[in-house]
Amino acid sequence: MNILFVISTNDAETVYNAMRLANVAVGKGDEVNIFMLGKGVLFEQSGNEQFNVQEQVDQYKGNMYV
């Protein structure tokens, strides 16, 4: 299955959950593409202790466009 995520927020919980879902989909063999738009390009700054965004991004093995 082909899946596209468009992330346009820098809210840590939202970005974390989107990346977590993307990682699960890749792990199940789906082709996943992620587009970071608007405030979404600030994803590296959005993480916190509770929602480790960078850890999820580092685990991601699909295409990401920032």
PDB file of N, CA and C in Angstrom:
ATOM      1  N   MET A   1       0.849  -1.173   0.000  1.00  0.00           N
ATOM      2  CA  MET A   1       0.000   0.000   0.000  1.00  0.00           C
ATOM      3  C   MET A   1       0.896   1.238   0.000  1.00  0.00           C
ATOM      4  N   ASN A   2       0.514   2.260  -0.707  1.00  0.00           N
ATOM      5  CA  ASN A   2       1.203   3.546  -0.696  1.00  0.00           C
ATOM      6  C   ASN A   2       0.513   4.479   0.281  1.00  0.00           C
ATOM      7  N   ILE A   3       1.303   5.085   1.160  1.00  0.00           N
ATOM      8  CA  ILE A   3       0.759   5.978   2.181  1.00  0.00           C
ATOM      9  C   ILE A   3       1.507   7.298   2.128  1.00  0.00           C
ATOM     10  N   LEU A   4       0.779   8.393   2.253  1.00  0.00           N
ATOM     11  CA  LEU A   4       1.364   9.733   2.281  1.00  0.00           C
ATOM     12  C   LEU A   4       0.951  10.426   3.568  1.00  0.00           C
ATOM     13  N   PHE A   5       1.924  10.941   4.292  1.00  0.00           N
ATOM     14  CA  PHE A   5       1.675  11.765   5.474  1.00  0.00           C
ATOM     15  C   PHE A   5       2.084  13.183   5.141  1.00  0.00           C
ATOM     16  N   VAL A   6       1.229  14.142   5.427  1.00  0.00           N
ATOM     17  CA  VAL A   6       1.558  15.558   5.311  1.00  0.00           C
ATOM     18  C   VAL A   6       1.508  16.127   6.716  1.00  0.00           C
ATOM     19  N   ILE A   7       2.653  16.572   7.199  1.00  0.00           N
ATOM     20  CA  ILE A   7       2.750  17.106   8.560  1.00  0.00           C
ATOM     21  C   ILE A   7       3.001  18.602   8.446  1.00  0.00           C
ATOM     22  N   SER A   8       2.060  19.385   8.948  1.00  0.00           N
ATOM     23  CA  SER A   8       2.165  20.846   8.819  1.00  0.00           C
ATOM     24  C   SER A   8       2.087  21.538  10.177  1.00  0.00           C
ATOM     25  N   THR A   9       2.462  20.829  11.227  1.00  0.00           N
ATOM     26  CA  THR A   9       2.445  21.406  12.563  1.00  0.00           C
ATOM     27  C   THR A   9       3.763  21.069  13.243  1.00  0.00           C
ATOM     28  N   ASN A  10       4.137  21.860  14.230  1.00  0.00           N
ATOM     29  CA  ASN A  10       5.311  21.533  15.023  1.00  0.00           C
ATOM     30  C   ASN A  10       4.906  21.086  16.431  1.00  0.00           C
ATOM     31  N   ASP A  11       3.644  20.718  16.600  1.00  0.00           N
ATOM     32  CA  ASP A  11       3.165  20.189  17.874  1.00  0.00           C
ATOM     33  C   ASP A  11       3.824  18.830  18.114  1.00  0.00           C
ATOM     34  N   ALA A  12       4.564  18.709  19.205  1.00  0.00           N
ATOM     35  CA  ALA A  12       5.369  17.518  19.474  1.00  0.00           C
ATOM     36  C   ALA A  12       4.544  16.235  19.462  1.00  0.00           C
ATOM     37  N   GLU A  13       3.396  16.234  20.116  1.00  0.00           N
ATOM     38  CA  GLU A  13       2.585  15.017  20.196  1.00  0.00           C
ATOM     39  C   GLU A  13       2.079  14.599  18.816  1.00  0.00           C
ATOM     40  N   THR A  14       1.649  15.554  18.016  1.00  0.00           N
ATOM     41  CA  THR A  14       1.122  15.245  16.691  1.00  0.00           C
ATOM     42  C   THR A  14       2.208  14.694  15.779  1.00  0.00           C
ATOM     43  N   VAL A  15       3.363  15.345  15.754  1.00  0.00           N
ATOM     44  CA  VAL A  15       4.464  14.880  14.909  1.00  0.00           C
ATOM     45  C   VAL A  15       4.947  13.509  15.376  1.00  0.00           C
ATOM     46  N   TYR A  16       5.084  13.330  16.678  1.00  0.00           N
ATOM     47  CA  TYR A  16       5.526  12.051  17.244  1.00  0.00           C
ATOM     48  C   TYR A  16       4.595  10.922  16.821  1.00  0.00           C
ATOM     49  N   ASN A  17       3.296  11.123  16.969  1.00  0.00           N
ATOM     50  CA  ASN A  17       2.331  10.074  16.623  1.00  0.00           C
ATOM     51  C   ASN A  17       2.290   9.801  15.124  1.00  0.00           C
ATOM     52  N   ALA A  18       2.433  10.826  14.303  1.00  0.00           N
ATOM     53  CA  ALA A  18       2.467  10.617  12.854  1.00  0.00           C
ATOM     54  C   ALA A  18       3.694   9.806  12.461  1.00  0.00           C
ATOM     55  N   MET A  19       4.842  10.132  13.052  1.00  0.00           N
ATOM     56  CA  MET A  19       6.064   9.402  12.745  1.00  0.00           C
ATOM     57  C   MET A  19       6.002   7.969  13.268  1.00  0.00           C
ATOM     58  N   ARG A  20       5.396   7.789  14.415  1.00  0.00           N
ATOM     59  CA  ARG A  20       5.240   6.445  14.972  1.00  0.00           C
ATOM     60  C   ARG A  20       4.374   5.587  14.049  1.00  0.00           C
ATOM     61  N   LEU A  21       3.284   6.156  13.559  1.00  0.00           N
ATOM     62  CA  LEU A  21       2.418   5.439  12.637  1.00  0.00           C
ATOM     63  C   LEU A  21       3.139   5.140  11.322  1.00  0.00           C
ATOM     64  N   ALA A  22       3.912   6.094  10.843  1.00  0.00           N
ATOM     65  CA  ALA A  22       4.690   5.883   9.622  1.00  0.00           C
ATOM     66  C   ALA A  22       5.683   4.736   9.808  1.00  0.00           C
ATOM     67  N   ASN A  23       6.328   4.677  10.954  1.00  0.00           N
ATOM     68  CA  ASN A  23       7.279   3.606  11.224  1.00  0.00           C
ATOM     69  C   ASN A  23       6.608   2.238  11.262  1.00  0.00           C
ATOM     70  N   VAL A  24       5.421   2.176  11.827  1.00  0.00           N
ATOM     71  CA  VAL A  24       4.672   0.913  11.855  1.00  0.00           C
ATOM     72  C   VAL A  24       4.321   0.481  10.435  1.00  0.00           C
ATOM     73  N   ALA A  25       3.881   1.427   9.616  1.00  0.00           N
ATOM     74  CA  ALA A  25       3.503   1.109   8.233  1.00  0.00           C
ATOM     75  C   ALA A  25       4.712   0.610   7.434  1.00  0.00           C
ATOM     76  N   VAL A  26       5.848   1.268   7.584  1.00  0.00           N
ATOM     77  CA  VAL A  26       7.066   0.822   6.897  1.00  0.00           C
ATOM     78  C   VAL A  26       7.438  -0.583   7.364  1.00  0.00           C
ATOM     79  N   GLY A  27       7.320  -0.813   8.653  1.00  0.00           N
ATOM     80  CA  GLY A  27       7.633  -2.125   9.213  1.00  0.00           C
ATOM     81  C   GLY A  27       6.746  -3.234   8.675  1.00  0.00           C
ATOM     82  N   LYS A  28       5.546  -2.884   8.244  1.00  0.00           N
ATOM     83  CA  LYS A  28       4.614  -3.874   7.688  1.00  0.00           C
ATOM     84  C   LYS A  28       4.756  -3.990   6.174  1.00  0.00           C
ATOM     85  N   GLY A  29       5.722  -3.254   5.596  1.00  0.00           N
ATOM     86  CA  GLY A  29       5.989  -3.382   4.166  1.00  0.00           C
ATOM     87  C   GLY A  29       5.311  -2.353   3.282  1.00  0.00           C
ATOM     88  N   ASP A  30       4.666  -1.363   3.858  1.00  0.00           N
ATOM     89  CA  ASP A  30       4.026  -0.320   3.052  1.00  0.00           C
ATOM     90  C   ASP A  30       5.060   0.691   2.565  1.00  0.00           C
ATOM     91  N   GLU A  31       4.779   1.313   1.435  1.00  0.00           N
ATOM     92  CA  GLU A  31       5.617   2.399   0.927  1.00  0.00           C
ATOM     93  C   GLU A  31       5.076   3.703   1.507  1.00  0.00           C
ATOM     94  N   VAL A  32       5.894   4.392   2.277  1.00  0.00           N
ATOM     95  CA  VAL A  32       5.451   5.578   3.006  1.00  0.00           C
ATOM     96  C   VAL A  32       6.271   6.782   2.577  1.00  0.00           C
ATOM     97  N   ASN A  33       5.588   7.883   2.292  1.00  0.00           N
ATOM     98  CA  ASN A  33       6.210   9.166   1.993  1.00  0.00           C
ATOM     99  C   ASN A  33       5.707  10.184   3.000  1.00  0.00           C
ATOM    100  N   ILE A  34       6.619  11.043   3.462  1.00  0.00           N
ATOM    101  CA  ILE A  34       6.256  12.090   4.409  1.00  0.00           C
ATOM    102  C   ILE A  34       6.672  13.437   3.842  1.00  0.00           C
ATOM    103  N   PHE A  35       5.742  14.381   3.839  1.00  0.00           N
ATOM    104  CA  PHE A  35       6.014  15.760   3.441  1.00  0.00           C
ATOM    105  C   PHE A  35       5.854  16.650   4.660  1.00  0.00           C
ATOM    106  N   MET A  36       6.887  17.396   4.976  1.00  0.00           N
ATOM    107  CA  MET A  36       6.836  18.374   6.066  1.00  0.00           C
ATOM    108  C   MET A  36       6.599  19.745   5.426  1.00  0.00           C
ATOM    109  N   LEU A  37       5.505  20.379   5.793  1.00  0.00           N
ATOM    110  CA  LEU A  37       5.144  21.681   5.239  1.00  0.00           C
ATOM    111  C   LEU A  37       4.928  22.690   6.362  1.00  0.00           C
ATOM    112  N   GLY A  38       5.070  23.964   6.070  1.00  0.00           N
ATOM    113  CA  GLY A  38       4.800  25.008   7.050  1.00  0.00           C
ATOM    114  C   GLY A  38       5.609  24.810   8.313  1.00  0.00           C
ATOM    115  N   LYS A  39       4.937  24.839   9.459  1.00  0.00           N
ATOM    116  CA  LYS A  39       5.614  24.660  10.745  1.00  0.00           C
ATOM    117  C   LYS A  39       6.158  23.249  10.918  1.00  0.00           C
ATOM    118  N   GLY A  40       5.720  22.335  10.083  1.00  0.00           N
ATOM    119  CA  GLY A  40       6.214  20.960  10.154  1.00  0.00           C
ATOM    120  C   GLY A  40       7.706  20.847   9.905  1.00  0.00           C
ATOM    121  N   VAL A  41       8.283  21.805   9.174  1.00  0.00           N
ATOM    122  CA  VAL A  41       9.723  21.756   8.916  1.00  0.00           C
ATOM    123  C   VAL A  41      10.529  21.991  10.193  1.00  0.00           C
ATOM    124  N   LEU A  42       9.887  22.446  11.244  1.00  0.00           N
ATOM    125  CA  LEU A  42      10.555  22.672  12.525  1.00  0.00           C
ATOM    126  C   LEU A  42      10.484  21.441  13.425  1.00  0.00           C
ATOM    127  N   PHE A  43      10.233  20.276  12.841  1.00  0.00           N
ATOM    128  CA  PHE A  43      10.030  19.054  13.629  1.00  0.00           C
ATOM    129  C   PHE A  43      11.206  18.748  14.549  1.00  0.00           C
ATOM    130  N   GLU A  44      12.422  19.089  14.149  1.00  0.00           N
ATOM    131  CA  GLU A  44      13.593  18.797  14.985  1.00  0.00           C
ATOM    132  C   GLU A  44      13.561  19.561  16.302  1.00  0.00           C
ATOM    133  N   GLN A  45      12.892  20.703  16.316  1.00  0.00           N
ATOM    134  CA  GLN A  45      12.809  21.531  17.513  1.00  0.00           C
ATOM    135  C   GLN A  45      11.567  21.218  18.344  1.00  0.00           C
ATOM    136  N   SER A  46      10.677  20.398  17.814  1.00  0.00           N
ATOM    137  CA  SER A  46       9.385  20.202  18.484  1.00  0.00           C
ATOM    138  C   SER A  46       9.398  19.123  19.552  1.00  0.00           C
ATOM    139  N   GLY A  47      10.378  18.248  19.541  1.00  0.00           N
ATOM    140  CA  GLY A  47      10.387  17.148  20.494  1.00  0.00           C
ATOM    141  C   GLY A  47      10.599  17.604  21.926  1.00  0.00           C
ATOM    142  N   ASN A  48      10.185  16.758  22.845  1.00  0.00           N
ATOM    143  CA  ASN A  48      10.416  17.007  24.269  1.00  0.00           C
ATOM    144  C   ASN A  48      10.625  15.662  24.956  1.00  0.00           C
ATOM    145  N   GLU A  49      10.744  15.673  26.270  1.00  0.00           N
ATOM    146  CA  GLU A  49      11.027  14.440  27.007  1.00  0.00           C
ATOM    147  C   GLU A  49       9.929  13.399  26.829  1.00  0.00           C
ATOM    148  N   GLN A  50       8.698  13.838  26.788  1.00  0.00           N
ATOM    149  CA  GLN A  50       7.565  12.919  26.654  1.00  0.00           C
ATOM    150  C   GLN A  50       7.397  12.413  25.223  1.00  0.00           C
ATOM    151  N   PHE A  51       7.619  13.278  24.241  1.00  0.00           N
ATOM    152  CA  PHE A  51       7.436  12.930  22.830  1.00  0.00           C
ATOM    153  C   PHE A  51       8.759  13.133  22.101  1.00  0.00           C
ATOM    154  N   ASN A  52       9.560  12.066  22.034  1.00  0.00           N
ATOM    155  CA  ASN A  52      10.881  12.134  21.424  1.00  0.00           C
ATOM    156  C   ASN A  52      10.752  12.011  19.905  1.00  0.00           C
ATOM    157  N   VAL A  53      10.493  13.132  19.266  1.00  0.00           N
ATOM    158  CA  VAL A  53      10.276  13.177  17.822  1.00  0.00           C
ATOM    159  C   VAL A  53      11.518  12.717  17.073  1.00  0.00           C
ATOM    160  N   GLN A  54      12.675  13.183  17.476  1.00  0.00           N
ATOM    161  CA  GLN A  54      13.906  12.864  16.750  1.00  0.00           C
ATOM    162  C   GLN A  54      14.181  11.361  16.740  1.00  0.00           C
ATOM    163  N   GLU A  55      13.861  10.681  17.823  1.00  0.00           N
ATOM    164  CA  GLU A  55      14.041   9.230  17.872  1.00  0.00           C
ATOM    165  C   GLU A  55      13.178   8.545  16.812  1.00  0.00           C
ATOM    166  N   GLN A  56      11.935   8.989  16.663  1.00  0.00           N
ATOM    167  CA  GLN A  56      11.039   8.410  15.660  1.00  0.00           C
ATOM    168  C   GLN A  56      11.521   8.730  14.245  1.00  0.00           C
ATOM    169  N   VAL A  57      12.007   9.943  14.037  1.00  0.00           N
ATOM    170  CA  VAL A  57      12.523  10.331  12.722  1.00  0.00           C
ATOM    171  C   VAL A  57      13.742   9.484  12.373  1.00  0.00           C
ATOM    172  N   ASP A  58      14.626   9.257  13.338  1.00  0.00           N
ATOM    173  CA  ASP A  58      15.829   8.464  13.097  1.00  0.00           C
ATOM    174  C   ASP A  58      15.494   7.016  12.750  1.00  0.00           C
ATOM    175  N   GLN A  59      14.406   6.491  13.268  1.00  0.00           N
ATOM    176  CA  GLN A  59      13.986   5.115  12.989  1.00  0.00           C
ATOM    177  C   GLN A  59      13.334   4.978  11.618  1.00  0.00           C
ATOM    178  N   TYR A  60      12.849   6.071  11.062  1.00  0.00           N
ATOM    179  CA  TYR A  60      12.073   6.056   9.823  1.00  0.00           C
ATOM    180  C   TYR A  60      12.938   5.651   8.630  1.00  0.00           C
ATOM    181  N   LYS A  61      12.455   4.721   7.820  1.00  0.00           N
ATOM    182  CA  LYS A  61      13.207   4.203   6.666  1.00  0.00           C
ATOM    183  C   LYS A  61      12.528   4.479   5.337  1.00  0.00           C
ATOM    184  N   GLY A  62      11.646   5.458   5.271  1.00  0.00           N
ATOM    185  CA  GLY A  62      10.966   5.794   4.027  1.00  0.00           C
ATOM    186  C   GLY A  62      11.469   7.100   3.451  1.00  0.00           C
ATOM    187  N   ASN A  63      10.704   7.673   2.543  1.00  0.00           N
ATOM    188  CA  ASN A  63      11.052   8.956   1.930  1.00  0.00           C
ATOM    189  C   ASN A  63      10.498  10.105   2.750  1.00  0.00           C
ATOM    190  N   MET A  64      11.346  11.103   3.012  1.00  0.00           N
ATOM    191  CA  MET A  64      10.893  12.278   3.748  1.00  0.00           C
ATOM    192  C   MET A  64      11.319  13.527   2.959  1.00  0.00           C
ATOM    193  N   TYR A  65      10.370  14.418   2.760  1.00  0.00           N
ATOM    194  CA  TYR A  65      10.614  15.657   2.025  1.00  0.00           C
ATOM    195  C   TYR A  65      10.350  16.836   2.953  1.00  0.00           C
ATOM    196  N   VAL A  66      11.376  17.637   3.179  1.00  0.00           N
ATOM    197  CA  VAL A  66      11.273  18.775   4.087  1.00  0.00           C
ATOM    198  C   VAL A  66      11.464  20.052   3.299  1.00  0.00           C
TER     199      VAL A  66
END
